[in-house]
């Protein structure tokens, strides 16, 4: 809406400035089905998660190794 973006650190500072904090549920919901969650993790998640990158040679340099 305002074309402004914040980093995680900037968001945290903004929350602290206004004396706000992140909130976490104090307990689990009654509707939670742990068995269904385990089935989803084993059957569905492996199909939808992105594949890992291959462990090939890499470099931390931004330039190409053969460009010198």
C-alpha atoms as a PDB file:
ATOM      1  CA  UNK A   1       0.000   0.000   0.000  1.00  0.00           C
ATOM      2  CA  UNK A   2       2.772   2.463   0.941  1.00  0.00           C
ATOM      3  CA  UNK A   3       5.532   0.811  -1.134  1.00  0.00           C
ATOM      4  CA  UNK A   4       7.712   0.354   1.942  1.00  0.00           C
ATOM      5  CA  UNK A   5       9.574  -2.794   2.915  1.00  0.00           C
ATOM      6  CA  UNK A   6      11.256  -3.735   6.182  1.00  0.00           C
ATOM      7  CA  UNK A   7      13.893  -6.243   7.124  1.00  0.00           C
ATOM      8  CA  UNK A   8      13.208  -8.630   9.982  1.00  0.00           C
ATOM      9  CA  UNK A   9      15.474  -6.538  12.206  1.00  0.00           C
ATOM     10  CA  UNK A  10      13.731  -3.319  11.167  1.00  0.00           C
ATOM     11  CA  UNK A  11      10.326  -4.832  11.871  1.00  0.00           C
ATOM     12  CA  UNK A  12      11.492  -5.955  15.314  1.00  0.00           C
ATOM     13  CA  UNK A  13      12.769  -2.444  16.090  1.00  0.00           C
ATOM     14  CA  UNK A  14       9.486  -0.925  14.963  1.00  0.00           C
ATOM     15  CA  UNK A  15       7.529  -3.282  17.220  1.00  0.00           C
ATOM     16  CA  UNK A  16       9.783  -2.537  20.198  1.00  0.00           C
ATOM     17  CA  UNK A  17       9.474   1.218  19.610  1.00  0.00           C
ATOM     18  CA  UNK A  18       5.708   0.930  19.969  1.00  0.00           C
ATOM     19  CA  UNK A  19       6.062  -1.435  22.951  1.00  0.00           C
ATOM     20  CA  UNK A  20       4.545  -4.320  21.016  1.00  0.00           C
ATOM     21  CA  UNK A  21       5.808  -7.878  20.954  1.00  0.00           C
ATOM     22  CA  UNK A  22       5.301 -11.018  18.917  1.00  0.00           C
ATOM     23  CA  UNK A  23       2.653 -13.317  20.251  1.00  0.00           C
ATOM     24  CA  UNK A  24       2.645 -17.058  20.583  1.00  0.00           C
ATOM     25  CA  UNK A  25      -0.230 -19.388  21.332  1.00  0.00           C
ATOM     26  CA  UNK A  26      -0.198 -20.560  24.934  1.00  0.00           C
ATOM     27  CA  UNK A  27      -1.571 -23.997  24.110  1.00  0.00           C
ATOM     28  CA  UNK A  28      -2.347 -26.200  21.126  1.00  0.00           C
ATOM     29  CA  UNK A  29      -5.749 -26.165  19.523  1.00  0.00           C
ATOM     30  CA  UNK A  30      -8.273 -28.844  20.362  1.00  0.00           C
ATOM     31  CA  UNK A  31      -8.763 -29.617  16.668  1.00  0.00           C
ATOM     32  CA  UNK A  32      -5.099 -30.530  16.136  1.00  0.00           C
ATOM     33  CA  UNK A  33      -4.711 -34.026  14.693  1.00  0.00           C
ATOM     34  CA  UNK A  34      -1.134 -35.207  15.272  1.00  0.00           C
ATOM     35  CA  UNK A  35      -1.656 -38.436  13.313  1.00  0.00           C
ATOM     36  CA  UNK A  36      -2.838 -36.549  10.224  1.00  0.00           C
ATOM     37  CA  UNK A  37       0.145 -34.198  10.534  1.00  0.00           C
ATOM     38  CA  UNK A  38       2.586 -37.127  10.570  1.00  0.00           C
ATOM     39  CA  UNK A  39       0.934 -38.674   7.509  1.00  0.00           C
ATOM     40  CA  UNK A  40       1.137 -35.332   5.676  1.00  0.00           C
ATOM     41  CA  UNK A  41       4.830 -34.948   6.565  1.00  0.00           C
ATOM     42  CA  UNK A  42       5.674 -38.435   5.284  1.00  0.00           C
ATOM     43  CA  UNK A  43       3.508 -38.555   2.148  1.00  0.00           C
ATOM     44  CA  UNK A  44       2.731 -35.037   0.909  1.00  0.00           C
ATOM     45  CA  UNK A  45       5.668 -32.878   1.993  1.00  0.00           C
ATOM     46  CA  UNK A  46       8.330 -34.824   0.053  1.00  0.00           C
ATOM     47  CA  UNK A  47       6.301 -34.255  -3.152  1.00  0.00           C
ATOM     48  CA  UNK A  48       5.801 -30.497  -2.694  1.00  0.00           C
ATOM     49  CA  UNK A  49       9.100 -29.350  -1.211  1.00  0.00           C
ATOM     50  CA  UNK A  50      11.647 -27.980  -3.652  1.00  0.00           C
ATOM     51  CA  UNK A  51      14.553 -30.299  -4.516  1.00  0.00           C
ATOM     52  CA  UNK A  52      17.897 -29.609  -2.903  1.00  0.00           C
ATOM     53  CA  UNK A  53      20.665 -28.128  -4.956  1.00  0.00           C
ATOM     54  CA  UNK A  54      23.293 -30.565  -6.127  1.00  0.00           C
ATOM     55  CA  UNK A  55      26.489 -30.548  -4.115  1.00  0.00           C
ATOM     56  CA  UNK A  56      28.724 -29.312  -6.881  1.00  0.00           C
ATOM     57  CA  UNK A  57      31.825 -27.191  -6.727  1.00  0.00           C
ATOM     58  CA  UNK A  58      31.115 -23.686  -5.607  1.00  0.00           C
ATOM     59  CA  UNK A  59      32.760 -20.442  -4.690  1.00  0.00           C
ATOM     60  CA  UNK A  60      31.954 -17.600  -2.362  1.00  0.00           C
ATOM     61  CA  UNK A  61      33.333 -15.184  -4.937  1.00  0.00           C
ATOM     62  CA  UNK A  62      30.878 -13.162  -7.000  1.00  0.00           C
ATOM     63  CA  UNK A  63      33.155 -13.322 -10.011  1.00  0.00           C
ATOM     64  CA  UNK A  64      33.540 -16.341 -12.203  1.00  0.00           C
ATOM     65  CA  UNK A  65      36.722 -18.339 -11.559  1.00  0.00           C
ATOM     66  CA  UNK A  66      37.803 -18.191 -15.230  1.00  0.00           C
ATOM     67  CA  UNK A  67      37.289 -14.452 -15.641  1.00  0.00           C
ATOM     68  CA  UNK A  68      40.748 -13.401 -14.472  1.00  0.00           C
END
